[in-house]
Amino acid sequence: MSRLAVIFIAALFFGCAPTAKQHAVESLLAGDTRELLHTLREGAPANLKNTIASELEARRLALASAAPDEKMPLEPKAVLAAILEQTENQFLLSDAAFENLHKAASGSSHATKNAYASALAGYLTQENFACQQPLYSRYFDDRYAPGRAAPECRGQIPFSVTTQYEGTPVTWVDPRRVSSIHLLFASKSDNMASRFGHIALRLVVCPDGYTTEAECDSNLNEHLVLGFRAHIDEFSLNSFKALSGEYRAYLFANRFMDVYQEYAIGEFREIYSLPLRLDVVEREAVVRGLADIHWRYAGRYSFFTHNCATMTQDALRATWPAFAKAEAMADDYVRPDSLFEAVRLSSHLAAKDKLEALEAAERGGYFFSSTREFYDRALNEVKNAMSNPKFVDLESYLQIDPIERRQDRAADRGFLLRLAADRHLKEAQLMLEEYAILRSERLMQIEGAKYFEQQDFIAKADDIRSRLDAEHFRVFEDCLLEPIRQHQAPMRKADGIPDRKDLPGINGEETACRSPLNRKLLHEAIAGIENSKSQQWQVLNAISQYCAESIANLKLLDPNLNAATTGGQ
C-alpha cells in the first residue's frame, strides 16, 4: 500500500489534519497491537475484549504497510478511546440507555459518541473505574456482562460542600455511615424560583461509632443535602435567564443545618423529609451514584422544563433501578411539589407513614415547621410587655433602627424590670435581635456583592489592602470578598468521584467570621473603605451599621452569650 493510500485511510478515520494523538494511534495500529490488549484490565468482559481485539486487528491491517516515522507515546486509555470514537461496530456504540444515563449524570446531551468511547475505554483499562465512575460501570456491566455483581468499593467519598463563610470545603463521607436517604421538600415561597417549592435529597449520616436510628437521625450537623440548583453568578435572579436556560445547573451539596437556616428561619418555609425505601446495597449505590453526579454534572437550568424536580427524578432513575422501574415514576414531573407528592403516595418507594401526622413527624425529625410562628410568638410577648411599642409585627420591628430599639427599652422602666425577672421574656427579646442580625448579615453579603461588582473591587484587592490595616483586611478578605468570589465561581468538575490526591487546594479553611471580634472588624473595615459618592456604598454601610448595633443590643441583653449567636458553628 502506498503512503498516499495510508494517509487517505487515516483521513477517513481521523479527519484531514493529523494530530500527535492520531500519529501515535496510527503508529500503534501499524505495529503489534498485543501491547494495547495487555493493558485491558483483567476483569473486563471476555466478549468485549474479543470485539476490541477484532477491531484493532482490522485497523492494524489497514495501516500495516506504512506507519508514520514519528513515535509518540500515548496512554492506552487515550489510544483506545480514539479508536472507539471512529468505530462503526454497533456492539461498541452507545445506545438510548447510555444517552439517557449520560444526560442524567453529566447534564450534557451532546457528543455522546465521544463520551461513550472515553467511558468505555476507562471501563476497559482502569482498575478503579467501578468505584470512581459507578454509574457508567454499572451500565457497562449490565450491557456487556449481565448478572455480574458490582465490585465492592471501600473508603470515604468526597462532596464539595457550599458554605456561607468557608468557601467549598470537601467533606468525606463513608457510605456505610449513611443510615437513610430522604427526599427533602421545602414548601413554596413568594419568589418566582420557589413558587412550587424546592426538592432535594438528604443523606442521614450517623456519628462515627454509633448505629442506632435515633443517634443517626439526631446527628443533624453531619447530615448533607444534595440538591440541583441554578448557579446564579449574579446578585439577583434574572427571570429571563431562568426561563430560557442561560444559567448553569449543578448538584450542590450543603450542610443540613445551613439548609434549615435558609428555609425554615430565613424564608419561613416548611421542610418535609421523606425516607426512601432502600436496602443497604441500594443505599450505598445511591450515595456513590449521587457523588458521581455531584462531581460530573454541569447542565442547563430552565425554570419550567429542566429544574430541580426533573433533574432529581433523572438522578434517582440513574442511581436507583427500582425507582426507574416504578409505575408511579413513569411520568416526568416538572414541578417539585408534584414529584414529592407522587413519591410520598408510593408505598414501594417511600415510608409515607412518617408524614401522616405532622406533630409526630416533627418529633421524629421528618418535618421541620416554619419558624415564623415562634418569632411571632416572641414578638407578641415583647410587644405586650412594653408600655408603648412602636411595632405591630416582625417586619415593622426590623424596620426600627437598632439604636432606637435599645433606647426604647431603656426608657421603658416597667419593661426593663419584667425583662430582668422573666426568663421567657428575655429569651423572646434575644430571639428578635438574633433574627435582626441573621437577616442583616444576609443582606450585607448581597449588597456588598453589588457594590464590589460595581466598583470592580474584587479584582482590585490590592487597592483595598492599602486602605486597611492587616487585621481588618484579613477579615474583610475572608468574610466578605472570598464568599463573593465563591458565589461567582462555577463548581469544580471531575470525571467521576475524585481521589484524595485529585483534590489539592480545594479544601476551604474555616474562618471565625461570626465571632464578636471579627464581626466588629468587618463592620469597621466596611466603614474604612468609605465612598460617600456611591449610593450603593451608603446602602452597604447602613446595613453594616444596623448589624453592628443589633449585635451590641444582643450583648447588652446577655453579656455571656456565645460568639455564634445566629446559627454559627
Protein backbone atom coordinates (compact mmCIF):
# COMPACT_ATOMS: atom_id res chain seq x y z
CA MET A 1 0.00 0.00 0.00
CA SER A 2 1.37 3.45 -0.91
CA ARG A 3 1.97 6.08 1.74
CA LEU A 4 -0.63 8.25 0.00
CA ALA A 5 -3.21 5.49 0.48
CA VAL A 6 -2.33 5.21 4.17
CA ILE A 7 -2.75 8.97 4.57
CA PHE A 8 -6.12 8.73 2.82
CA ILE A 9 -7.27 5.94 5.16
CA ALA A 10 -6.10 7.91 8.17
CA ALA A 11 -8.05 10.92 6.90
CA LEU A 12 -11.18 8.79 6.75
CA PHE A 13 -10.60 7.64 10.32
CA PHE A 14 -9.42 10.91 11.87
CA GLY A 15 -10.06 13.85 9.53
CA CYS A 16 -7.64 15.78 7.36
CA ALA A 17 -5.24 17.30 9.89
CA PRO A 18 -3.34 14.55 11.76
CA THR A 19 -2.59 15.36 15.39
CA ALA A 20 0.05 13.91 17.70
CA LYS A 21 -2.60 11.57 19.09
CA GLN A 22 -3.55 10.39 15.61
CA HIS A 23 0.11 9.72 14.73
CA ALA A 24 0.52 7.69 17.90
CA VAL A 25 -2.64 5.69 17.22
CA GLU A 26 -1.62 5.00 13.62
CA SER A 27 1.87 4.00 14.76
CA LEU A 28 0.48 1.56 17.29
CA LEU A 29 -2.05 0.08 14.89
CA ALA A 30 0.57 -0.47 12.20
CA GLY A 31 2.69 -2.48 14.61
CA ASP A 32 1.81 -5.13 17.15
CA THR A 33 -1.48 -4.49 18.96
CA ARG A 34 -0.83 -7.08 21.67
CA GLU A 35 0.70 -4.44 23.94
CA LEU A 36 -2.53 -2.45 23.89
CA LEU A 37 -4.63 -5.55 24.51
CA HIS A 38 -2.50 -6.36 27.55
CA THR A 39 -3.50 -3.03 29.10
CA LEU A 40 -7.14 -4.09 29.27
CA ARG A 41 -7.93 -4.88 32.86
CA GLU A 42 -8.22 -8.50 33.87
CA GLY A 43 -11.88 -8.28 34.86
CA ALA A 44 -13.11 -6.78 31.58
CA PRO A 45 -15.86 -8.91 29.95
CA ALA A 46 -14.41 -11.50 27.56
CA ASN A 47 -16.89 -10.77 24.76
CA LEU A 48 -15.95 -7.10 24.91
CA LYS A 49 -12.22 -7.91 24.86
CA ASN A 50 -12.70 -10.13 21.82
CA THR A 51 -14.62 -7.45 19.94
CA ILE A 52 -11.95 -4.86 20.74
CA ALA A 53 -9.25 -7.27 19.55
CA SER A 54 -11.07 -7.77 16.24
CA GLU A 55 -11.49 -4.02 15.82
CA LEU A 56 -7.80 -3.41 16.48
CA GLU A 57 -6.74 -6.13 14.08
CA ALA A 58 -8.89 -4.72 11.29
CA ARG A 59 -7.40 -1.28 11.79
CA ARG A 60 -3.88 -2.71 12.07
CA LEU A 61 -4.12 -4.47 8.72
CA ALA A 62 -5.35 -1.30 7.03
CA LEU A 63 -2.35 0.68 8.26
CA ALA A 64 0.30 -2.03 8.47
CA SER A 65 2.41 -1.10 5.47
CA ALA A 66 3.28 2.49 6.26
CA ALA A 67 3.15 3.83 9.79
CA PRO A 68 4.40 7.39 10.43
CA ASP A 69 8.07 7.63 11.37
CA GLU A 70 7.28 9.72 14.42
CA LYS A 71 6.73 7.58 17.53
CA MET A 72 4.67 9.49 20.06
CA PRO A 73 3.78 7.83 23.37
CA LEU A 74 0.15 7.97 24.43
CA GLU A 75 -1.57 6.34 27.37
CA PRO A 76 -3.57 3.20 26.46
CA LYS A 77 -6.92 4.68 27.50
CA ALA A 78 -6.49 7.65 25.14
CA VAL A 79 -5.43 5.37 22.25
CA LEU A 80 -8.37 3.06 22.84
CA ALA A 81 -10.81 5.99 23.12
CA ALA A 82 -9.52 7.45 19.85
CA ILE A 83 -10.12 4.14 18.09
CA LEU A 84 -13.57 3.67 19.63
CA GLU A 85 -14.60 7.16 18.51
CA GLN A 86 -14.18 6.01 14.89
CA THR A 87 -15.72 2.55 15.06
CA GLU A 88 -18.95 1.69 13.27
CA ASN A 89 -19.37 -1.61 15.14
CA GLN A 90 -22.79 -1.37 16.79
CA PHE A 91 -21.59 -3.53 19.68
CA LEU A 92 -19.15 -0.74 20.58
CA LEU A 93 -21.51 2.21 20.08
CA SER A 94 -23.76 3.96 22.56
CA ASP A 95 -27.46 3.20 22.76
CA ALA A 96 -30.52 5.02 24.10
CA ALA A 97 -29.90 3.74 27.63
CA PHE A 98 -26.42 5.25 27.68
CA GLU A 99 -27.62 8.54 26.24
CA ASN A 100 -30.25 8.82 29.00
CA LEU A 101 -27.66 7.93 31.64
CA HIS A 102 -25.12 10.37 30.22
CA LYS A 103 -27.66 13.19 30.31
CA ALA A 104 -28.67 12.38 33.90
CA ALA A 105 -25.07 12.03 35.09
CA SER A 106 -23.41 14.91 33.25
CA GLY A 107 -26.20 17.24 32.16
CA SER A 108 -24.99 17.07 28.56
CA SER A 109 -26.76 15.50 25.61
CA HIS A 110 -24.01 16.44 23.15
CA ALA A 111 -21.07 14.40 21.83
CA THR A 112 -22.41 11.17 23.30
CA LYS A 113 -20.30 9.12 20.88
CA ASN A 114 -17.12 10.69 22.24
CA ALA A 115 -18.40 10.37 25.80
CA TYR A 116 -19.20 6.70 25.21
CA ALA A 117 -15.78 6.00 23.72
CA SER A 118 -14.00 7.69 26.63
CA ALA A 119 -16.12 5.95 29.26
CA LEU A 120 -15.79 2.52 27.62
CA ALA A 121 -12.01 2.95 27.32
CA GLY A 122 -11.88 3.79 31.02
CA TYR A 123 -14.03 0.79 31.88
CA LEU A 124 -11.66 -1.48 29.96
CA THR A 125 -8.36 -0.08 31.25
CA GLN A 126 -8.84 1.46 34.73
CA GLU A 127 -8.81 -0.90 37.71
CA ASN A 128 -10.65 1.61 39.94
CA PHE A 129 -13.25 2.56 37.31
CA ALA A 130 -16.13 0.86 39.15
CA CYS A 131 -15.52 2.91 42.30
CA GLN A 132 -14.72 6.23 40.62
CA GLN A 133 -17.40 6.08 37.92
CA PRO A 134 -20.03 3.74 39.40
CA LEU A 135 -22.89 4.79 37.13
CA TYR A 136 -21.09 4.10 33.86
CA SER A 137 -19.53 0.96 35.33
CA ARG A 138 -22.94 -0.48 36.19
CA TYR A 139 -24.24 0.36 32.71
CA PHE A 140 -21.32 -1.43 31.02
CA ASP A 141 -21.70 -4.42 33.35
CA ASP A 142 -25.41 -4.64 32.52
CA ARG A 143 -24.73 -4.39 28.80
CA TYR A 144 -21.60 -6.49 28.38
CA ALA A 145 -21.60 -8.75 31.45
CA PRO A 146 -25.22 -9.12 32.65
CA GLY A 147 -25.58 -10.71 36.04
CA ARG A 148 -22.12 -9.72 37.19
CA ALA A 149 -22.01 -8.50 40.79
CA ALA A 150 -20.71 -4.99 41.28
CA PRO A 151 -17.23 -4.91 42.86
CA GLU A 152 -17.05 -3.82 46.48
CA CYS A 153 -15.84 -0.26 46.99
CA ARG A 154 -14.45 0.77 50.35
CA GLY A 155 -13.49 4.05 51.90
CA GLN A 156 -14.93 7.54 52.06
CA ILE A 157 -16.19 9.61 49.16
CA PRO A 158 -15.93 13.40 48.82
CA PHE A 159 -18.54 16.11 48.47
CA SER A 160 -17.64 19.74 47.84
CA VAL A 161 -19.87 21.48 50.37
CA THR A 162 -21.08 25.01 49.67
CA THR A 163 -20.99 27.21 52.78
CA GLN A 164 -21.63 30.86 53.54
CA TYR A 165 -18.22 31.73 55.01
CA GLU A 166 -15.88 28.78 54.48
CA GLY A 167 -15.83 28.52 50.71
CA THR A 168 -16.35 24.96 49.44
CA PRO A 169 -14.57 22.61 51.85
CA VAL A 170 -14.53 18.93 50.95
CA THR A 171 -16.46 16.67 53.33
CA TRP A 172 -15.55 12.98 53.20
CA VAL A 173 -18.45 10.60 53.84
CA ASP A 174 -18.31 6.86 54.44
CA PRO A 175 -21.39 5.49 52.60
CA ARG A 176 -21.73 2.83 55.30
CA ARG A 177 -22.41 5.62 57.81
CA VAL A 178 -25.41 6.83 55.79
CA SER A 179 -28.35 5.20 57.57
CA SER A 180 -31.05 6.52 55.25
CA ILE A 181 -31.72 8.83 52.33
CA HIS A 182 -34.69 11.18 52.41
CA LEU A 183 -36.49 13.09 49.69
CA LEU A 184 -36.48 16.64 51.05
CA PHE A 185 -39.13 19.18 50.13
CA ALA A 186 -39.16 22.86 51.09
CA SER A 187 -42.60 24.44 50.73
CA LYS A 188 -43.26 27.23 48.27
CA SER A 189 -42.24 30.83 48.83
CA ASP A 190 -43.24 34.12 47.23
CA ASN A 191 -40.24 34.45 44.92
CA MET A 192 -40.54 33.11 41.37
CA ALA A 193 -37.80 30.49 41.70
CA SER A 194 -39.63 28.76 44.57
CA ARG A 195 -43.30 29.18 43.70
CA PHE A 196 -43.66 25.36 43.53
CA GLY A 197 -41.22 24.63 46.35
CA HIS A 198 -37.80 23.03 46.13
CA ILE A 199 -36.86 19.34 46.15
CA ALA A 200 -33.55 17.73 47.11
CA LEU A 201 -32.06 14.65 48.78
CA ARG A 202 -30.89 14.38 52.39
CA LEU A 203 -28.15 12.00 53.47
CA VAL A 204 -28.69 10.98 57.10
CA VAL A 205 -25.10 10.46 58.28
CA CYS A 206 -24.55 8.60 61.55
CA PRO A 207 -21.98 9.70 64.14
CA ASP A 208 -18.76 7.74 63.91
CA GLY A 209 -19.10 4.60 66.02
CA TYR A 210 -22.87 4.91 66.56
CA THR A 211 -25.52 2.86 64.80
CA THR A 212 -28.94 3.38 66.41
CA GLU A 213 -31.58 5.08 64.30
CA ALA A 214 -32.19 7.77 66.92
CA GLU A 215 -28.48 8.65 67.15
CA CYS A 216 -28.22 8.87 63.36
CA ASP A 217 -31.37 10.97 62.97
CA SER A 218 -30.27 13.44 65.64
CA ASN A 219 -26.77 13.87 64.18
CA LEU A 220 -28.01 16.88 62.20
CA ASN A 221 -24.67 18.68 61.97
CA GLU A 222 -23.27 15.91 59.75
CA HIS A 223 -26.30 15.41 57.53
CA LEU A 224 -25.84 16.58 53.94
CA VAL A 225 -28.38 17.89 51.45
CA LEU A 226 -27.79 17.29 47.74
CA GLY A 227 -29.93 19.45 45.51
CA PHE A 228 -29.94 20.65 41.92
CA ARG A 229 -29.96 24.41 41.65
CA ALA A 230 -29.21 27.11 39.15
CA HIS A 231 -25.75 28.61 39.61
CA ILE A 232 -26.75 32.26 39.76
CA ASP A 233 -23.40 34.01 39.32
CA GLU A 234 -25.10 37.39 39.64
CA PHE A 235 -26.53 39.06 42.72
CA SER A 236 -30.19 38.78 41.86
CA LEU A 237 -32.15 36.28 39.80
CA ASN A 238 -32.55 37.22 36.14
CA SER A 239 -36.01 35.87 35.29
CA PHE A 240 -35.33 35.73 31.55
CA LYS A 241 -32.18 33.67 32.08
CA ALA A 242 -34.01 31.33 34.45
CA LEU A 243 -36.77 30.78 31.91
CA SER A 244 -34.53 30.44 28.85
CA GLY A 245 -31.89 28.07 30.26
CA GLU A 246 -28.98 30.50 30.44
CA TYR A 247 -27.96 29.54 33.98
CA ARG A 248 -25.78 26.52 34.64
CA ALA A 249 -27.19 23.82 36.91
CA TYR A 250 -25.15 21.76 39.38
CA LEU A 251 -25.86 19.19 42.07
CA PHE A 252 -24.88 21.27 45.09
CA ALA A 253 -24.00 19.83 48.49
CA ASN A 254 -24.94 21.77 51.62
CA ARG A 255 -24.96 21.07 55.32
CA PHE A 256 -28.43 20.23 56.50
CA MET A 257 -28.33 22.87 59.24
CA ASP A 258 -27.45 25.55 56.67
CA VAL A 259 -30.44 24.44 54.58
CA TYR A 260 -32.64 24.52 57.68
CA GLN A 261 -31.46 28.04 58.49
CA GLU A 262 -32.02 29.19 54.90
CA TYR A 263 -35.54 27.82 54.56
CA ALA A 264 -37.16 27.43 57.98
CA ILE A 265 -35.59 30.54 59.56
CA GLY A 266 -34.51 32.82 56.72
CA GLU A 267 -37.54 32.28 54.48
CA PHE A 268 -40.11 30.87 56.96
CA ARG A 269 -40.74 27.76 54.83
CA GLU A 270 -41.71 24.28 55.99
CA ILE A 271 -39.38 21.33 55.31
CA TYR A 272 -40.62 17.78 54.77
CA SER A 273 -38.13 14.90 54.96
CA LEU A 274 -39.46 11.65 53.47
CA PRO A 275 -37.39 8.45 53.99
CA LEU A 276 -36.91 6.41 50.81
CA ARG A 277 -37.27 2.62 50.95
CA LEU A 278 -33.73 1.50 50.15
CA ASP A 279 -31.99 -1.64 51.35
CA VAL A 280 -28.34 -1.49 52.43
CA VAL A 281 -26.94 -2.33 48.98
CA GLU A 282 -29.26 0.11 47.19
CA ARG A 283 -28.49 2.87 49.68
CA GLU A 284 -24.73 2.63 49.21
CA ALA A 285 -25.15 2.51 45.43
CA VAL A 286 -27.32 5.64 45.51
CA VAL A 287 -24.83 7.52 47.71
CA ARG A 288 -21.94 6.64 45.39
CA GLY A 289 -24.02 7.40 42.31
CA LEU A 290 -25.01 10.81 43.69
CA ALA A 291 -21.34 11.55 44.41
CA ASP A 292 -20.55 10.66 40.79
CA ILE A 293 -23.24 13.09 39.58
CA HIS A 294 -22.19 15.76 42.10
CA TRP A 295 -18.68 15.95 40.62
CA ARG A 296 -19.67 15.41 36.99
CA TYR A 297 -22.93 17.29 36.43
CA ALA A 298 -22.97 20.65 34.62
CA GLY A 299 -26.28 21.10 32.84
CA ARG A 300 -28.61 23.93 32.00
CA TYR A 301 -31.33 25.22 34.33
CA SER A 302 -34.70 26.19 32.89
CA PHE A 303 -37.45 27.08 35.34
CA PHE A 304 -40.34 25.33 33.57
CA THR A 305 -38.64 22.44 31.77
CA HIS A 306 -35.33 21.49 33.39
CA ASN A 307 -35.39 22.30 37.08
CA CYS A 308 -34.75 20.71 40.47
CA ALA A 309 -37.68 18.31 40.01
CA THR A 310 -36.73 16.99 36.57
CA MET A 311 -33.04 16.69 37.45
CA THR A 312 -33.75 14.96 40.78
CA GLN A 313 -36.04 12.47 39.05
CA ASP A 314 -33.36 11.78 36.41
CA ALA A 315 -30.72 11.33 39.13
CA LEU A 316 -32.86 8.84 41.06
CA ARG A 317 -33.61 6.91 37.88
CA ALA A 318 -29.87 6.72 37.17
CA THR A 319 -28.85 5.67 40.69
CA TRP A 320 -31.79 3.54 41.88
CA PRO A 321 -33.14 0.90 39.44
CA ALA A 322 -36.30 0.30 41.50
CA PHE A 323 -37.18 3.99 41.16
CA ALA A 324 -36.64 3.87 37.39
CA LYS A 325 -38.95 0.85 37.09
CA ALA A 326 -41.68 2.15 39.42
CA GLU A 327 -45.02 2.69 37.72
CA ALA A 328 -45.52 5.88 39.74
CA MET A 329 -42.39 7.34 38.15
CA ALA A 330 -43.38 6.63 34.55
CA ASP A 331 -44.41 10.28 34.17
CA ASP A 332 -41.95 13.16 34.11
CA TYR A 333 -42.66 15.72 36.82
CA VAL A 334 -41.67 19.34 36.17
CA ARG A 335 -43.00 20.68 39.49
CA PRO A 336 -41.17 19.87 42.76
CA ASP A 337 -44.41 19.65 44.73
CA SER A 338 -45.89 17.18 42.21
CA LEU A 339 -42.80 14.96 42.27
CA PHE A 340 -42.72 14.94 46.07
CA GLU A 341 -46.41 14.06 46.28
CA ALA A 342 -46.04 11.24 43.72
CA VAL A 343 -43.17 9.68 45.68
CA ARG A 344 -44.97 10.20 49.00
CA LEU A 345 -48.01 8.30 47.75
CA SER A 346 -45.91 5.34 46.56
CA SER A 347 -45.55 2.87 49.43
CA HIS A 348 -42.94 0.95 47.39
CA LEU A 349 -40.62 3.96 47.17
CA ALA A 350 -41.11 5.83 50.43
CA ALA A 351 -42.12 5.42 54.07
CA LYS A 352 -45.19 7.60 53.64
CA ASP A 353 -46.45 6.86 57.15
CA LYS A 354 -43.67 9.08 58.55
CA LEU A 355 -45.52 12.20 57.36
CA GLU A 356 -49.11 11.19 58.09
CA ALA A 357 -49.22 13.02 61.44
CA LEU A 358 -47.10 16.18 61.30
CA GLU A 359 -46.86 16.54 65.07
CA ALA A 360 -45.29 13.08 65.35
CA ALA A 361 -43.24 13.75 62.21
CA GLU A 362 -41.78 16.87 63.80
CA ARG A 363 -40.77 14.93 66.90
CA GLY A 364 -39.18 12.26 64.70
CA GLY A 365 -37.20 14.69 62.55
CA TYR A 366 -39.25 14.17 59.38
CA PHE A 367 -40.96 17.57 59.43
CA PHE A 368 -39.47 20.96 60.28
CA SER A 369 -42.06 23.67 60.68
CA SER A 370 -41.55 27.26 59.63
CA THR A 371 -40.09 29.26 62.49
CA ARG A 372 -42.41 32.16 61.70
CA GLU A 373 -44.80 31.08 64.47
CA PHE A 374 -42.01 31.14 67.07
CA TYR A 375 -40.83 34.61 66.06
CA ASP A 376 -44.40 35.93 66.01
CA ARG A 377 -44.95 34.47 69.47
CA ALA A 378 -41.72 36.09 70.70
CA LEU A 379 -42.70 39.40 69.14
CA ASN A 380 -46.15 39.37 70.77
CA GLU A 381 -44.62 38.57 74.15
CA VAL A 382 -42.23 41.54 73.85
CA LYS A 383 -44.93 43.83 72.44
CA ASN A 384 -47.39 43.01 75.25
CA ALA A 385 -44.72 43.63 77.88
CA MET A 386 -43.82 47.12 76.58
CA SER A 387 -45.80 50.16 77.62
CA ASN A 388 -45.66 51.87 74.20
CA PRO A 389 -44.36 49.52 71.48
CA LYS A 390 -43.62 51.10 68.09
CA PHE A 391 -44.13 47.89 66.13
CA VAL A 392 -47.07 45.65 65.31
CA ASP A 393 -45.37 42.71 63.57
CA LEU A 394 -41.94 41.26 62.82
CA GLU A 395 -41.42 43.36 59.70
CA SER A 396 -42.14 46.63 61.49
CA TYR A 397 -39.87 45.57 64.38
CA LEU A 398 -37.00 45.01 61.94
CA GLN A 399 -37.60 48.40 60.31
CA ILE A 400 -36.77 50.19 63.57
CA ASP A 401 -33.14 51.28 63.87
CA PRO A 402 -31.40 49.04 66.45
CA ILE A 403 -30.15 52.10 68.37
CA GLU A 404 -33.74 53.30 68.63
CA ARG A 405 -34.84 49.84 69.79
CA ARG A 406 -32.19 49.98 72.50
CA GLN A 407 -33.28 53.48 73.58
CA ASP A 408 -36.95 52.46 73.68
CA ARG A 409 -36.13 49.57 76.01
CA ALA A 410 -34.02 51.78 78.26
CA ALA A 411 -36.84 54.35 78.50
CA ASP A 412 -39.45 51.73 79.43
CA ARG A 413 -38.69 51.10 83.11
CA GLY A 414 -41.52 48.62 83.59
CA PHE A 415 -40.32 46.59 80.63
CA LEU A 416 -36.75 46.50 81.98
CA LEU A 417 -38.00 45.20 85.33
CA ARG A 418 -40.04 42.48 83.62
CA LEU A 419 -37.10 41.66 81.34
CA ALA A 420 -34.86 41.07 84.35
CA ALA A 421 -37.42 38.92 86.16
CA ASP A 422 -38.97 36.89 83.32
CA ARG A 423 -36.65 34.39 81.61
CA HIS A 424 -39.15 33.71 78.80
CA LEU A 425 -39.48 37.41 78.02
CA LYS A 426 -35.71 37.77 77.88
CA GLU A 427 -35.42 34.78 75.53
CA ALA A 428 -38.11 36.28 73.32
CA GLN A 429 -36.24 39.58 73.12
CA LEU A 430 -32.97 37.77 72.35
CA MET A 431 -34.70 35.84 69.54
CA LEU A 432 -35.81 39.05 67.87
CA GLU A 433 -32.36 40.63 67.99
CA GLU A 434 -30.75 37.42 66.74
CA TYR A 435 -33.14 37.39 63.80
CA ALA A 436 -32.28 41.02 63.04
CA ILE A 437 -28.59 40.02 62.91
CA LEU A 438 -29.26 37.00 60.71
CA ARG A 439 -31.28 38.98 58.20
CA SER A 440 -28.84 41.91 58.10
CA GLU A 441 -25.86 39.59 57.56
CA ARG A 442 -27.57 38.04 54.55
CA LEU A 443 -28.43 41.48 53.18
CA MET A 444 -24.88 42.67 53.79
CA GLN A 445 -23.47 39.93 51.55
CA ILE A 446 -25.97 40.72 48.80
CA GLU A 447 -25.45 44.48 48.90
CA GLY A 448 -21.70 44.09 49.37
CA ALA A 449 -21.53 41.94 46.25
CA LYS A 450 -23.45 44.54 44.26
CA TYR A 451 -21.15 47.31 45.43
CA PHE A 452 -17.91 45.43 44.79
CA GLU A 453 -19.11 44.37 41.35
CA GLN A 454 -19.97 47.98 40.58
CA GLN A 455 -16.55 49.19 41.73
CA ASP A 456 -14.67 46.12 40.41
CA PHE A 457 -13.15 45.87 43.90
CA ILE A 458 -12.93 42.08 43.73
CA ALA A 459 -10.30 42.49 41.02
CA LYS A 460 -8.66 45.34 42.96
CA ALA A 461 -7.96 43.68 46.29
CA ASP A 462 -4.59 45.46 46.48
CA ASP A 463 -6.37 48.82 46.50
CA ILE A 464 -8.48 47.69 49.44
CA ARG A 465 -5.41 46.31 51.20
CA SER A 466 -3.73 49.73 51.01
CA ARG A 467 -6.70 51.34 52.76
CA LEU A 468 -6.94 48.87 55.65
CA ASP A 469 -4.52 47.53 58.22
CA ALA A 470 -3.55 43.85 58.07
CA GLU A 471 -6.11 42.63 60.62
CA HIS A 472 -9.04 44.48 59.07
CA PHE A 473 -8.06 43.36 55.57
CA ARG A 474 -7.81 39.71 56.68
CA VAL A 475 -11.37 39.72 57.98
CA PHE A 476 -12.59 41.75 55.00
CA GLU A 477 -10.98 39.27 52.60
CA ASP A 478 -12.08 36.09 54.43
CA CYS A 479 -15.58 37.11 55.45
CA LEU A 480 -16.83 39.25 52.56
CA LEU A 481 -14.68 39.16 49.42
CA GLU A 482 -13.93 35.43 49.42
CA PRO A 483 -17.58 34.36 49.90
CA ILE A 484 -18.49 36.65 46.99
CA ARG A 485 -15.80 35.06 44.81
CA GLN A 486 -17.06 31.61 45.78
CA HIS A 487 -20.59 32.66 44.87
CA GLN A 488 -19.49 33.74 41.40
CA ALA A 489 -17.15 30.82 40.64
CA PRO A 490 -18.50 27.74 38.86
CA MET A 491 -18.29 24.42 40.68
CA ARG A 492 -15.18 22.37 40.13
CA LYS A 493 -15.92 19.35 37.93
CA ALA A 494 -14.34 15.89 37.52
CA ASP A 495 -14.95 12.71 35.54
CA GLY A 496 -16.50 10.80 38.39
CA ILE A 497 -15.55 10.65 42.07
CA PRO A 498 -12.07 12.11 42.72
CA ASP A 499 -9.41 10.54 44.94
CA ARG A 500 -7.81 12.48 47.77
CA LYS A 501 -4.76 13.12 45.58
CA ASP A 502 -7.02 14.75 42.99
CA LEU A 503 -8.29 17.43 45.36
CA PRO A 504 -5.34 19.69 46.27
CA GLY A 505 -6.24 23.23 47.15
CA ILE A 506 -10.00 22.69 47.17
CA ASN A 507 -10.46 22.42 50.92
CA GLY A 508 -11.84 25.56 52.49
CA GLU A 509 -10.35 26.89 55.68
CA GLU A 510 -12.83 27.73 58.37
CA THR A 511 -12.70 31.32 59.49
CA ALA A 512 -14.33 32.60 62.65
CA CYS A 513 -16.35 35.15 60.70
CA ARG A 514 -19.13 35.12 63.25
CA SER A 515 -17.02 35.77 66.32
CA PRO A 516 -17.72 39.12 68.03
CA LEU A 517 -14.20 40.40 67.27
CA ASN A 518 -14.28 39.53 63.57
CA ARG A 519 -17.79 40.87 63.17
CA LYS A 520 -16.63 44.14 64.70
CA LEU A 521 -13.55 44.24 62.46
CA LEU A 522 -15.66 43.59 59.36
CA HIS A 523 -18.04 46.46 60.11
CA GLU A 524 -15.06 48.74 60.77
CA ALA A 525 -13.45 47.61 57.50
CA ILE A 526 -16.58 48.46 55.51
CA ALA A 527 -16.61 51.90 57.11
CA GLY A 528 -12.87 52.17 56.35
CA ILE A 529 -13.37 51.93 52.59
CA GLU A 530 -15.77 54.86 52.69
CA ASN A 531 -17.04 56.00 49.32
CA SER A 532 -19.59 58.65 50.17
CA LYS A 533 -20.21 59.43 46.49
CA SER A 534 -21.56 55.93 45.92
CA GLN A 535 -25.20 55.35 46.81
CA GLN A 536 -24.54 51.60 46.81
CA TRP A 537 -21.79 52.02 49.43
CA GLN A 538 -24.19 54.05 51.58
CA VAL A 539 -26.70 51.17 51.43
CA LEU A 540 -23.97 48.67 52.33
CA ASN A 541 -22.65 50.79 55.18
CA ALA A 542 -26.16 51.35 56.58
CA ILE A 543 -26.78 47.58 56.67
CA SER A 544 -23.35 47.02 58.22
CA GLN A 545 -24.07 49.54 60.98
CA TYR A 546 -27.54 48.07 61.51
CA CYS A 547 -25.94 44.65 62.01
CA ALA A 548 -23.24 46.02 64.33
CA GLU A 549 -25.78 47.81 66.53
CA SER A 550 -28.02 44.73 66.65
CA ILE A 551 -25.02 42.75 67.90
CA ALA A 552 -24.47 45.47 70.51
CA ASN A 553 -28.11 45.06 71.58
CA LEU A 554 -27.59 41.34 71.95
CA LYS A 555 -24.51 41.79 74.13
CA LEU A 556 -26.32 44.30 76.34
CA LEU A 557 -29.20 41.88 76.81
CA ASP A 558 -26.89 38.99 77.68
CA PRO A 559 -23.14 39.69 78.02
CA ASN A 560 -22.46 35.95 78.43
CA LEU A 561 -23.84 34.95 75.02
CA ASN A 562 -21.62 32.63 72.97
CA ALA A 563 -19.95 34.04 69.86
CA ALA A 564 -22.08 32.05 67.44
CA THR A 565 -25.47 33.60 68.11
CA THR A 566 -27.28 33.02 64.86
CA GLY A 567 -26.53 29.54 63.75
CA GLY A 568 -22.71 29.69 63.66
CA GLN A 569 -20.65 26.63 64.50
